[in-house]
Amino acid sequence: MKRILLVEDELEIAELERDYLEISDMEVTIESNGLKGLERALGEDFDLIILDIMLPDMSGFDICREIRAKKEVPILLVSARKEDIDKVRGLGLGADDYITKPFSPSELVARVKAHLARYERLAKSNIGTQNEILQVHDLTLDLDGRKVFVADQEIIFTTKEFDLLVFLAKRPNRVWNKEQLFEQIWGMQAAGDVSTVVVHIRKIREKLETHGAHSESIETIWGAGYRFNL
């Protein structure tokens, strides 16, 4: 049974989300306070964490940053705020997904299942294998160690940033639209917000450029999508 930590200060919403997740055979722990939620997240093992952004004592953004610095676990941010800047900030801090209220509980369950399945596949693929290295331009991608290097300097990528970069690098010279990339990387059909893809592409380019890497490898094909050029 998968363990889910739900940090949500609106009890009625939290209980409804818990009920739907438990129907899907998940064990749900609820915390209504930001600091207590962070303490539980760091002190216990959970398979996925759902964070509301507006919380007492500590925001979901800050909790996400602290968790991601210490643990590799799927993080879903939830907010009633629809501003793109919040989405960009949350994904930039390492969240795997951003869901805007109001949403149906069944949509939440679907996204949770998709992220759990993806992390499980990644974990299994790294068992008992030698590290696979992909060299592209001035980048070295350690696929099993999930690390990216320029020369001897490591660039820190979030889970989805790394997955997206590797997906494109392993399939060069082909154009992929946002819907295709969303389905491939997030494990869901493009019923979600595909602007997530745009945010992640931007963050990847910024990190590559900051470290002097060949950021032009990922080309925007206007009206079509993105292409990784060799």
Protein backbone atom coordinates (compact mmCIF):
# COMPACT_ATOMS: atom_id res chain seq x y z
CA MET A 1 0.00 0.00 0.00
CA LYS A 2 1.44 3.37 -1.06
CA ARG A 3 1.88 5.99 1.65
CA ILE A 4 0.74 9.51 0.81
CA LEU A 5 1.40 12.65 2.87
CA LEU A 6 -1.32 15.26 2.34
CA VAL A 7 -0.50 18.72 3.71
CA GLU A 8 -3.72 20.73 3.49
CA ASP A 9 -5.15 23.20 6.03
CA GLU A 10 -8.76 23.02 4.81
CA LEU A 11 -10.00 19.96 6.66
CA GLU A 12 -13.06 19.34 4.50
CA ILE A 13 -10.96 19.31 1.32
CA ALA A 14 -8.27 17.17 2.93
CA GLU A 15 -10.78 14.57 4.10
CA LEU A 16 -12.44 14.39 0.68
CA GLU A 17 -9.07 13.91 -1.04
CA ARG A 18 -8.09 11.31 1.56
CA ASP A 19 -11.31 9.36 1.00
CA TYR A 20 -10.74 9.15 -2.76
CA LEU A 21 -7.11 8.14 -2.34
CA GLU A 22 -7.95 5.49 0.26
CA ILE A 23 -10.60 4.02 -2.06
CA SER A 24 -7.68 3.52 -4.45
CA ASP A 25 -5.80 1.51 -1.80
CA MET A 26 -3.48 4.25 -0.56
CA GLU A 27 -2.63 5.06 3.04
CA VAL A 28 -3.03 8.81 3.64
CA THR A 29 -1.56 10.92 6.43
CA ILE A 30 -2.97 14.44 6.81
CA GLU A 31 -1.13 17.42 8.25
CA SER A 32 -2.78 20.85 8.37
CA ASN A 33 0.29 22.83 9.43
CA GLY A 34 3.27 23.66 7.22
CA LEU A 35 6.02 23.07 9.76
CA LYS A 36 4.49 19.81 10.97
CA GLY A 37 4.04 18.72 7.36
CA LEU A 38 7.73 19.33 6.65
CA GLU A 39 8.73 17.44 9.79
CA ARG A 40 6.66 14.42 8.73
CA ALA A 41 7.95 14.59 5.16
CA LEU A 42 11.59 14.54 6.26
CA GLY A 43 11.19 12.19 9.20
CA GLU A 44 9.14 9.44 7.56
CA ASP A 45 9.09 7.57 4.27
CA PHE A 46 6.25 8.47 1.93
CA ASP A 47 5.73 7.39 -1.66
CA LEU A 48 4.25 10.76 -2.69
CA ILE A 49 3.59 14.16 -1.09
CA ILE A 50 0.70 16.53 -1.89
CA LEU A 51 1.31 20.11 -0.75
CA ASP A 52 -1.13 22.99 -0.63
CA ILE A 53 0.75 26.24 -1.27
CA MET A 54 -1.06 28.44 1.26
CA LEU A 55 -0.40 26.87 4.68
CA PRO A 56 -0.04 28.12 8.26
CA ASP A 57 3.54 28.75 9.44
CA MET A 58 5.28 27.69 6.22
CA SER A 59 4.30 27.83 2.56
CA GLY A 60 4.12 24.85 0.25
CA PHE A 61 6.88 26.44 -1.83
CA ASP A 62 9.28 26.44 1.12
CA ILE A 63 8.32 22.90 2.09
CA CYS A 64 8.90 21.72 -1.47
CA ARG A 65 12.37 23.32 -1.51
CA GLU A 66 13.36 21.67 1.78
CA ILE A 67 12.09 18.23 0.76
CA ARG A 68 13.70 18.31 -2.67
CA ALA A 69 17.08 19.21 -1.14
CA LYS A 70 17.03 15.97 0.86
CA LYS A 71 14.69 13.47 -0.80
CA GLU A 72 13.71 12.17 -4.23
CA VAL A 73 9.97 11.68 -3.88
CA PRO A 74 7.09 12.80 -6.13
CA ILE A 75 5.71 16.18 -5.03
CA LEU A 76 2.37 17.58 -6.22
CA LEU A 77 1.61 21.23 -5.47
CA VAL A 78 -2.02 22.31 -5.07
CA SER A 79 -3.21 25.91 -5.20
CA ALA A 80 -6.31 28.03 -5.78
CA ARG A 81 -4.05 30.60 -7.46
CA LYS A 82 -3.98 30.38 -11.25
CA GLU A 83 -1.08 32.76 -11.92
CA ASP A 84 1.59 31.32 -14.21
CA ILE A 85 4.32 32.75 -11.97
CA ASP A 86 3.24 30.44 -9.15
CA LYS A 87 3.36 27.45 -11.47
CA VAL A 88 6.78 28.44 -12.77
CA ARG A 89 8.06 28.90 -9.23
CA GLY A 90 6.69 25.59 -7.97
CA LEU A 91 8.05 23.54 -10.85
CA GLY A 92 11.35 25.37 -10.61
CA LEU A 93 11.64 24.31 -6.97
CA GLY A 94 11.40 20.68 -8.01
CA ALA A 95 7.69 19.88 -7.83
CA ASP A 96 6.60 17.15 -10.25
CA ASP A 97 3.16 18.61 -10.90
CA TYR A 98 0.97 21.63 -10.15
CA ILE A 99 -2.79 21.29 -9.80
CA THR A 100 -5.09 24.32 -9.69
CA LYS A 101 -8.23 24.33 -7.54
CA PRO A 102 -10.99 23.53 -8.06
CA PHE A 103 -10.29 20.08 -9.45
CA SER A 104 -12.15 16.81 -9.26
CA PRO A 105 -10.89 14.24 -6.73
CA SER A 106 -10.74 11.70 -9.55
CA GLU A 107 -8.27 13.94 -11.42
CA LEU A 108 -6.10 14.10 -8.31
CA VAL A 109 -6.16 10.31 -7.97
CA ALA A 110 -5.26 9.89 -11.66
CA ARG A 111 -2.27 12.20 -11.34
CA VAL A 112 -1.11 10.57 -8.12
CA LYS A 113 -1.26 7.12 -9.72
CA ALA A 114 0.64 8.33 -12.79
CA HIS A 115 3.48 9.79 -10.72
CA LEU A 116 3.69 6.74 -8.46
CA ALA A 117 3.88 4.45 -11.48
CA ARG A 118 6.59 6.53 -13.10
CA TYR A 119 8.79 6.65 -10.01
CA GLU A 120 8.33 2.90 -9.57
CA ARG A 121 9.46 2.26 -13.16
CA LEU A 122 12.49 4.47 -12.65
CA ALA A 123 13.44 2.67 -9.45
CA LYS A 124 13.17 -0.75 -11.07
CA SER A 125 15.18 0.28 -14.11
CA ASN A 126 18.12 1.30 -11.91
CA ILE A 127 18.42 -2.03 -10.07
CA GLY A 128 21.38 -4.23 -10.94
CA THR A 129 22.55 -2.23 -13.96
CA GLN A 130 25.79 -0.56 -14.81
CA ASN A 131 25.61 3.17 -15.31
CA GLU A 132 24.63 4.09 -18.86
CA ILE A 133 26.35 7.23 -20.11
CA LEU A 134 25.07 9.43 -22.92
CA GLN A 135 27.49 12.01 -24.35
CA VAL A 136 25.79 14.81 -26.28
CA HIS A 137 27.74 17.89 -27.39
CA ASP A 138 29.40 19.19 -24.21
CA LEU A 139 26.96 17.34 -21.93
CA THR A 140 27.53 14.06 -20.13
CA LEU A 141 24.28 12.40 -19.04
CA ASP A 142 24.61 9.65 -16.43
CA LEU A 143 21.28 7.93 -17.08
CA ASP A 144 21.31 5.52 -14.14
CA GLY A 145 22.94 7.91 -11.68
CA ARG A 146 20.53 10.59 -12.98
CA LYS A 147 23.26 13.22 -13.16
CA VAL A 148 24.23 15.82 -15.74
CA PHE A 149 27.75 17.17 -16.17
CA VAL A 150 29.42 19.88 -18.20
CA ALA A 151 33.11 18.98 -18.15
CA ASP A 152 33.54 17.92 -14.50
CA GLN A 153 30.86 20.25 -13.14
CA GLU A 154 27.51 18.74 -12.20
CA ILE A 155 24.27 20.58 -13.05
CA ILE A 156 21.41 19.86 -10.66
CA PHE A 157 18.16 19.01 -12.42
CA THR A 158 14.78 18.14 -10.94
CA THR A 159 13.32 14.73 -11.75
CA LYS A 160 11.13 15.93 -14.59
CA GLU A 161 13.79 18.26 -16.01
CA PHE A 162 16.21 15.35 -16.18
CA ASP A 163 13.62 13.02 -17.71
CA LEU A 164 12.68 15.58 -20.34
CA LEU A 165 16.29 16.34 -21.28
CA VAL A 166 17.17 12.66 -21.58
CA PHE A 167 14.03 11.87 -23.57
CA LEU A 168 14.86 14.55 -26.15
CA ALA A 169 18.59 13.77 -26.22
CA LYS A 170 17.93 10.07 -26.90
CA ARG A 171 15.57 10.94 -29.78
CA PRO A 172 17.37 13.71 -31.67
CA ASN A 173 16.35 15.51 -34.86
CA ARG A 174 12.64 14.80 -34.36
CA VAL A 175 9.99 17.36 -33.47
CA TRP A 176 7.83 16.60 -30.42
CA ASN A 177 4.79 18.73 -29.61
CA LYS A 178 3.88 19.73 -26.06
CA GLU A 179 1.07 17.19 -25.82
CA GLN A 180 3.38 14.32 -26.79
CA LEU A 181 6.05 15.39 -24.30
CA PHE A 182 3.50 15.81 -21.51
CA GLU A 183 2.22 12.29 -22.11
CA GLN A 184 5.70 10.77 -22.33
CA ILE A 185 7.25 12.51 -19.31
CA TRP A 186 4.30 12.93 -16.97
CA GLY A 187 2.78 9.56 -17.86
CA MET A 188 -0.65 10.98 -18.61
CA GLN A 189 -2.57 11.94 -21.71
CA ALA A 190 -2.50 15.65 -22.41
CA ALA A 191 -5.63 16.45 -20.42
CA GLY A 192 -3.44 18.33 -17.96
CA ASP A 193 -1.81 21.72 -18.36
CA VAL A 194 0.77 21.30 -21.12
CA SER A 195 2.27 24.70 -20.24
CA THR A 196 4.19 22.61 -17.71
CA VAL A 197 6.31 21.42 -20.64
CA VAL A 198 7.14 25.01 -21.64
CA VAL A 199 8.22 25.81 -18.07
CA HIS A 200 10.50 22.78 -17.90
CA ILE A 201 12.10 23.47 -21.29
CA ARG A 202 12.82 27.03 -20.15
CA LYS A 203 14.39 25.84 -16.89
CA ILE A 204 16.57 23.30 -18.71
CA ARG A 205 17.86 25.96 -21.10
CA GLU A 206 18.56 28.39 -18.26
CA LYS A 207 20.58 25.80 -16.33
CA LEU A 208 22.56 24.75 -19.39
CA GLU A 209 23.30 28.36 -20.30
CA THR A 210 24.30 29.24 -16.74
CA HIS A 211 26.91 26.48 -16.80
CA GLY A 212 28.20 27.38 -20.24
CA ALA A 213 26.66 24.37 -21.94
CA HIS A 214 25.23 24.15 -25.44
CA SER A 215 21.71 25.38 -24.59
CA GLU A 216 20.79 25.78 -28.28
CA SER A 217 20.56 21.99 -28.59
CA ILE A 218 16.85 22.19 -27.74
CA GLU A 219 15.29 24.19 -30.56
CA THR A 220 11.77 25.62 -30.53
CA ILE A 221 9.95 24.87 -33.77
CA TRP A 222 7.22 27.50 -33.73
CA GLY A 223 3.75 26.07 -34.09
CA ALA A 224 5.08 22.50 -33.90
CA GLY A 225 7.06 21.80 -30.73
CA TYR A 226 10.65 21.11 -29.77
CA ARG A 227 13.59 19.34 -31.39
CA PHE A 228 16.93 18.22 -29.97
CA ASN A 229 19.59 18.89 -32.58
CA LEU A 230 22.77 16.88 -32.96
